[in-house]
C-alpha atoms as a PDB file:
ATOM      1  CA  MET A   1       2.691  12.331 -10.249  1.00  0.00           C
ATOM      2  CA  GLY A   2       2.084  13.303  -6.617  1.00  0.00           C
ATOM      3  CA  ALA A   3       0.895  10.814  -4.031  1.00  0.00           C
ATOM      4  CA  ASN A   4      -2.548  12.417  -3.664  1.00  0.00           C
ATOM      5  CA  THR A   5      -3.011  12.600  -7.433  1.00  0.00           C
ATOM      6  CA  ARG A   6      -2.074   8.932  -7.720  1.00  0.00           C
ATOM      7  CA  LYS A   7      -4.504   7.968  -4.953  1.00  0.00           C
ATOM      8  CA  MET A   8      -7.289  10.040  -6.543  1.00  0.00           C
ATOM      9  CA  ALA A   9      -6.695   8.265  -9.853  1.00  0.00           C
ATOM     10  CA  GLN A  10      -6.730   4.879  -8.138  1.00  0.00           C
ATOM     11  CA  ALA A  11      -9.941   5.795  -6.294  1.00  0.00           C
ATOM     12  CA  ALA A  12     -11.521   6.824  -9.605  1.00  0.00           C
ATOM     13  CA  VAL A  13     -10.545   3.486 -11.139  1.00  0.00           C
ATOM     14  CA  MET A  14     -12.070   1.603  -8.199  1.00  0.00           C
ATOM     15  CA  ALA A  15     -15.283   3.668  -8.458  1.00  0.00           C
ATOM     16  CA  ALA A  16     -15.431   2.792 -12.172  1.00  0.00           C
ATOM     17  CA  LEU A  17     -14.801  -0.895 -11.447  1.00  0.00           C
ATOM     18  CA  THR A  18     -17.608  -0.864  -8.873  1.00  0.00           C
ATOM     19  CA  ALA A  19     -19.900   0.575 -11.551  1.00  0.00           C
ATOM     20  CA  VAL A  20     -18.833  -2.145 -13.986  1.00  0.00           C
ATOM     21  CA  GLY A  21     -19.371  -4.708 -11.226  1.00  0.00           C
ATOM     22  CA  ALA A  22     -23.004  -3.636 -10.979  1.00  0.00           C
ATOM     23  CA  PHE A  23     -23.569  -5.016 -14.463  1.00  0.00           C
ATOM     24  CA  ILE A  24     -21.698  -8.287 -14.088  1.00  0.00           C
ATOM     25  CA  ARG A  25     -24.593 -10.412 -12.877  1.00  0.00           C
ATOM     26  CA  PHE A  26     -24.861 -14.031 -11.901  1.00  0.00           C
ATOM     27  CA  PRO A  27     -28.482 -15.240 -11.804  1.00  0.00           C
ATOM     28  CA  LEU A  28     -29.652 -16.838  -8.596  1.00  0.00           C
ATOM     29  CA  GLY A  29     -33.256 -17.838  -9.180  1.00  0.00           C
ATOM     30  CA  ALA A  30     -35.436 -14.740  -9.038  1.00  0.00           C
ATOM     31  CA  LEU A  31     -32.432 -12.737  -7.801  1.00  0.00           C
ATOM     32  CA  SER A  32     -28.921 -12.222  -9.059  1.00  0.00           C
ATOM     33  CA  PHE A  33     -25.682 -11.237  -7.456  1.00  0.00           C
ATOM     34  CA  THR A  34     -23.168  -8.781  -8.843  1.00  0.00           C
ATOM     35  CA  LEU A  35     -19.505  -7.975  -8.364  1.00  0.00           C
ATOM     36  CA  GLN A  36     -20.039  -4.519  -6.823  1.00  0.00           C
ATOM     37  CA  ASP A  37     -19.200  -5.649  -3.329  1.00  0.00           C
ATOM     38  CA  MET A  38     -16.119  -7.521  -4.553  1.00  0.00           C
ATOM     39  CA  PHE A  39     -14.725  -4.309  -6.027  1.00  0.00           C
ATOM     40  CA  THR A  40     -15.701  -2.478  -2.843  1.00  0.00           C
ATOM     41  CA  VAL A  41     -13.600  -4.710  -0.610  1.00  0.00           C
ATOM     42  CA  LEU A  42     -10.825  -4.803  -3.223  1.00  0.00           C
ATOM     43  CA  ALA A  43     -10.765  -1.000  -3.026  1.00  0.00           C
ATOM     44  CA  GLY A  44     -10.316  -1.297   0.729  1.00  0.00           C
ATOM     45  CA  VAL A  45      -7.430  -3.726   0.349  1.00  0.00           C
ATOM     46  CA  LEU A  46      -5.659  -1.684  -2.328  1.00  0.00           C
ATOM     47  CA  LEU A  47      -6.333   1.907  -1.311  1.00  0.00           C
ATOM     48  CA  GLY A  48      -6.565   1.953   2.472  1.00  0.00           C
ATOM     49  CA  TRP A  49      -9.574   3.097   4.430  1.00  0.00           C
ATOM     50  CA  LYS A  50      -9.757   6.771   3.416  1.00  0.00           C
ATOM     51  CA  TRP A  51      -9.318   6.446  -0.337  1.00  0.00           C
ATOM     52  CA  ALA A  52     -11.406   3.284  -0.515  1.00  0.00           C
ATOM     53  CA  ALA A  53     -14.311   5.008   1.222  1.00  0.00           C
ATOM     54  CA  ALA A  54     -13.849   8.000  -1.077  1.00  0.00           C
ATOM     55  CA  SER A  55     -13.970   5.759  -4.153  1.00  0.00           C
ATOM     56  CA  GLN A  56     -17.256   4.222  -3.072  1.00  0.00           C
ATOM     57  CA  ALA A  57     -18.719   7.585  -2.033  1.00  0.00           C
ATOM     58  CA  VAL A  58     -17.922   8.884  -5.528  1.00  0.00           C
ATOM     59  CA  TYR A  59     -19.638   5.853  -7.049  1.00  0.00           C
ATOM     60  CA  VAL A  60     -22.780   6.349  -4.945  1.00  0.00           C
ATOM     61  CA  ALA A  61     -22.794  10.113  -5.591  1.00  0.00           C
ATOM     62  CA  LEU A  62     -22.524   9.590  -9.365  1.00  0.00           C
ATOM     63  CA  GLY A  63     -25.472   7.217  -9.262  1.00  0.00           C
ATOM     64  CA  LEU A  64     -27.573   9.575  -7.167  1.00  0.00           C
ATOM     65  CA  MET A  65     -26.779  12.382  -9.613  1.00  0.00           C
ATOM     66  CA  GLY A  66     -28.492  10.322 -12.291  1.00  0.00           C
ATOM     67  CA  LEU A  67     -25.718   8.421 -14.017  1.00  0.00           C
ATOM     68  CA  PRO A  68     -26.995   4.876 -14.644  1.00  0.00           C
ATOM     69  CA  VAL A  69     -24.215   3.183 -12.685  1.00  0.00           C
ATOM     70  CA  PHE A  70     -26.417   1.227 -10.280  1.00  0.00           C
ATOM     71  CA  THR A  71     -27.774  -2.196 -11.208  1.00  0.00           C
ATOM     72  CA  MET A  72     -31.174  -0.728 -12.070  1.00  0.00           C
ATOM     73  CA  GLY A  73     -30.167   2.771 -13.209  1.00  0.00           C
ATOM     74  CA  GLY A  74     -29.563   5.840 -11.094  1.00  0.00           C
ATOM     75  CA  GLY A  75     -31.082   9.064  -9.788  1.00  0.00           C
ATOM     76  CA  LEU A  76     -32.354  10.322  -6.452  1.00  0.00           C
ATOM     77  CA  SER A  77     -35.427   8.102  -6.620  1.00  0.00           C
ATOM     78  CA  TYR A  78     -33.065   5.153  -6.171  1.00  0.00           C
ATOM     79  CA  VAL A  79     -33.166   5.822  -2.421  1.00  0.00           C
ATOM     80  CA  LEU A  80     -36.601   4.154  -2.486  1.00  0.00           C
ATOM     81  CA  GLN A  81     -35.195   0.923  -3.952  1.00  0.00           C
ATOM     82  CA  PRO A  82     -34.869  -1.902  -1.420  1.00  0.00           C
ATOM     83  CA  SER A  83     -31.233  -2.367  -2.479  1.00  0.00           C
ATOM     84  CA  PHE A  84     -30.153   1.222  -1.825  1.00  0.00           C
ATOM     85  CA  GLY A  85     -29.125   0.459   1.757  1.00  0.00           C
ATOM     86  CA  PHE A  86     -26.470  -1.883   0.390  1.00  0.00           C
ATOM     87  CA  LEU A  87     -25.137   0.975  -1.729  1.00  0.00           C
ATOM     88  CA  LEU A  88     -24.937   3.140   1.389  1.00  0.00           C
ATOM     89  CA  GLY A  89     -23.231   0.240   3.122  1.00  0.00           C
ATOM     90  CA  ILE A  90     -20.413  -0.062   0.592  1.00  0.00           C
ATOM     91  CA  ILE A  91     -18.860   3.178   1.839  1.00  0.00           C
ATOM     92  CA  PRO A  92     -18.201   1.948   5.402  1.00  0.00           C
ATOM     93  CA  ALA A  93     -17.511  -1.532   3.989  1.00  0.00           C
ATOM     94  CA  ALA A  94     -14.605  -0.142   1.967  1.00  0.00           C
ATOM     95  CA  ALA A  95     -13.338   1.879   4.929  1.00  0.00           C
ATOM     96  CA  ILE A  96     -13.495  -1.030   7.377  1.00  0.00           C
ATOM     97  CA  THR A  97     -11.848  -3.387   4.908  1.00  0.00           C
ATOM     98  CA  GLY A  98      -9.096  -0.848   4.280  1.00  0.00           C
ATOM     99  CA  ALA A  99      -8.541  -0.210   7.964  1.00  0.00           C
ATOM    100  CA  LEU A 100      -8.175  -3.914   8.745  1.00  0.00           C
ATOM    101  CA  ALA A 101      -6.429  -5.301   5.660  1.00  0.00           C
ATOM    102  CA  GLY A 102      -2.948  -3.883   6.135  1.00  0.00           C
ATOM    103  CA  GLU A 103      -0.672  -2.764   3.342  1.00  0.00           C
ATOM    104  CA  ARG A 104       0.688  -5.978   1.867  1.00  0.00           C
ATOM    105  CA  GLY A 105      -2.501  -7.738   0.882  1.00  0.00           C
ATOM    106  CA  GLU A 106      -1.702 -10.764   3.006  1.00  0.00           C
ATOM    107  CA  PRO A 107      -4.578 -13.249   2.675  1.00  0.00           C
ATOM    108  CA  ARG A 108      -4.601 -13.980   6.430  1.00  0.00           C
ATOM    109  CA  ARG A 109      -5.509 -10.300   6.982  1.00  0.00           C
ATOM    110  CA  VAL A 110      -7.479  -9.735   3.780  1.00  0.00           C
ATOM    111  CA  VAL A 111     -10.067 -12.460   4.405  1.00  0.00           C
ATOM    112  CA  PRO A 112     -11.219 -11.244   7.844  1.00  0.00           C
ATOM    113  CA  ALA A 113     -10.969  -7.602   6.698  1.00  0.00           C
ATOM    114  CA  CYS A 114     -13.237  -8.302   3.729  1.00  0.00           C
ATOM    115  CA  ALA A 115     -15.625 -10.279   5.921  1.00  0.00           C
ATOM    116  CA  ALA A 116     -15.835  -7.385   8.392  1.00  0.00           C
ATOM    117  CA  GLY A 117     -16.413  -4.916   5.568  1.00  0.00           C
ATOM    118  CA  LEU A 118     -19.169  -7.008   4.051  1.00  0.00           C
ATOM    119  CA  ALA A 119     -20.740  -7.466   7.488  1.00  0.00           C
ATOM    120  CA  ALA A 120     -20.955  -3.669   7.791  1.00  0.00           C
ATOM    121  CA  MET A 121     -22.595  -3.486   4.368  1.00  0.00           C
ATOM    122  CA  TYR A 122     -25.194  -6.047   5.420  1.00  0.00           C
ATOM    123  CA  LEU A 123     -25.781  -4.344   8.787  1.00  0.00           C
ATOM    124  CA  ILE A 124     -26.858  -1.259   6.847  1.00  0.00           C
ATOM    125  CA  GLY A 125     -28.384  -2.911   3.784  1.00  0.00           C
ATOM    126  CA  VAL A 126     -30.644  -5.557   5.310  1.00  0.00           C
ATOM    127  CA  PRO A 127     -32.534  -3.258   7.726  1.00  0.00           C
ATOM    128  CA  TYR A 128     -32.842  -0.621   4.984  1.00  0.00           C
ATOM    129  CA  MET A 129     -34.230  -3.250   2.626  1.00  0.00           C
ATOM    130  CA  GLY A 130     -36.719  -4.367   5.272  1.00  0.00           C
ATOM    131  CA  ALA A 131     -37.815  -0.798   5.929  1.00  0.00           C
ATOM    132  CA  VAL A 132     -38.389  -0.058   2.243  1.00  0.00           C
ATOM    133  CA  LEU A 133     -40.168  -3.349   1.590  1.00  0.00           C
ATOM    134  CA  ASN A 134     -42.389  -3.220   4.666  1.00  0.00           C
ATOM    135  CA  LEU A 135     -42.878   0.460   5.435  1.00  0.00           C
ATOM    136  CA  TYR A 136     -42.761   2.044   1.984  1.00  0.00           C
ATOM    137  CA  MET A 137     -43.985  -0.825  -0.214  1.00  0.00           C
ATOM    138  CA  GLY A 138     -46.259  -2.414   2.405  1.00  0.00           C
ATOM    139  CA  LYS A 139     -45.078  -5.986   1.775  1.00  0.00           C
ATOM    140  CA  GLY A 140     -45.426  -7.172   5.382  1.00  0.00           C
ATOM    141  CA  LEU A 141     -42.434  -9.523   5.201  1.00  0.00           C
ATOM    142  CA  SER A 142     -41.119 -11.251   8.299  1.00  0.00           C
ATOM    143  CA  VAL A 143     -37.650 -10.516   9.643  1.00  0.00           C
ATOM    144  CA  TRP A 144     -36.634 -14.073   8.713  1.00  0.00           C
ATOM    145  CA  THR A 145     -37.734 -13.576   5.091  1.00  0.00           C
ATOM    146  CA  ILE A 146     -35.813 -10.306   4.884  1.00  0.00           C
ATOM    147  CA  VAL A 147     -32.666 -11.860   6.372  1.00  0.00           C
ATOM    148  CA  LYS A 148     -32.967 -14.892   4.111  1.00  0.00           C
ATOM    149  CA  THR A 149     -33.494 -12.915   0.899  1.00  0.00           C
ATOM    150  CA  GLY A 150     -31.210  -9.994   1.729  1.00  0.00           C
ATOM    151  CA  LEU A 151     -28.306 -11.811   3.382  1.00  0.00           C
ATOM    152  CA  LEU A 152     -28.221 -15.588   3.638  1.00  0.00           C
ATOM    153  CA  ILE A 153     -28.703 -16.302  -0.049  1.00  0.00           C
ATOM    154  CA  TYR A 154     -25.679 -14.130  -0.903  1.00  0.00           C
ATOM    155  CA  LEU A 155     -23.175 -15.494   1.627  1.00  0.00           C
ATOM    156  CA  PRO A 156     -21.820 -18.371  -0.500  1.00  0.00           C
ATOM    157  CA  GLY A 157     -21.149 -16.001  -3.411  1.00  0.00           C
ATOM    158  CA  ASP A 158     -19.593 -13.478  -1.052  1.00  0.00           C
ATOM    159  CA  ALA A 159     -17.263 -16.161   0.288  1.00  0.00           C
ATOM    160  CA  LEU A 160     -16.093 -16.848  -3.275  1.00  0.00           C
ATOM    161  CA  LYS A 161     -15.579 -13.127  -3.911  1.00  0.00           C
ATOM    162  CA  VAL A 162     -13.547 -12.749  -0.715  1.00  0.00           C
ATOM    163  CA  MET A 163     -11.381 -15.701  -1.736  1.00  0.00           C
ATOM    164  CA  ALA A 164     -10.847 -14.113  -5.165  1.00  0.00           C
ATOM    165  CA  VAL A 165      -9.807 -10.815  -3.555  1.00  0.00           C
ATOM    166  CA  ALA A 166      -7.449 -12.664  -1.183  1.00  0.00           C
ATOM    167  CA  ALA A 167      -5.927 -14.501  -4.153  1.00  0.00           C
ATOM    168  CA  VAL A 168      -5.162 -11.382  -6.197  1.00  0.00           C
ATOM    169  CA  ALA A 169      -4.424  -8.957  -3.348  1.00  0.00           C
ATOM    170  CA  PRO A 170      -0.738  -9.799  -2.758  1.00  0.00           C
ATOM    171  CA  THR A 171       0.160  -9.362  -6.426  1.00  0.00           C
ATOM    172  CA  LEU A 172      -1.892  -6.198  -6.886  1.00  0.00           C
ATOM    173  CA  CYS A 173      -0.522  -4.643  -3.691  1.00  0.00           C
ATOM    174  CA  ARG A 174       3.072  -5.355  -4.788  1.00  0.00           C
ATOM    175  CA  ARG A 175       2.430  -3.835  -8.220  1.00  0.00           C
ATOM    176  CA  LEU A 176       0.820  -0.720  -6.762  1.00  0.00           C
ATOM    177  CA  ASP A 177       3.730  -0.403  -4.333  1.00  0.00           C
ATOM    178  CA  ARG A 178       6.223  -0.579  -7.236  1.00  0.00           C
ATOM    179  CA  MET A 179       4.250   2.031  -9.187  1.00  0.00           C
ATOM    180  CA  GLU A 180       4.434   4.412  -6.244  1.00  0.00           C
ATOM    181  CA  ARG A 181       8.238   4.317  -6.026  1.00  0.00           C
END
């Protein structure tokens, strides 16, 4: 199997895992958090910036084409969901994580790489959420309320997900490296 074919297959697997992650939910009061972003940063660690971004772009494209791979379904109308900005944000999140993580999955590089990737996702997702909630839905929420409900409440769970990725990254990177020889 050629290197590009192998990377395409790996990107497809990561896109599928991101879709599965959308349906693994942990309730958090009125909200819940999923494992989508964990698989996004894991894609960055395992695939490098280009293929990781491609995997997440495929995932988002499949959802926009109508496949019910997003947490609440799919289709073009999903762009009007407050959470769609986070889906847009997973593409640069994967790329940034991949660019910063290095090739060996070393936790000392993986943790800040994942944190930077997730920060990019939130930099896109939170303002998008605020725009949809306030401009499209007319909710009139304060910036603090948007930051609290779209970012702060998720940070402890994200820290756990980053630690999980850092824990499995060295082993997964070694196994992928062996498969490619």
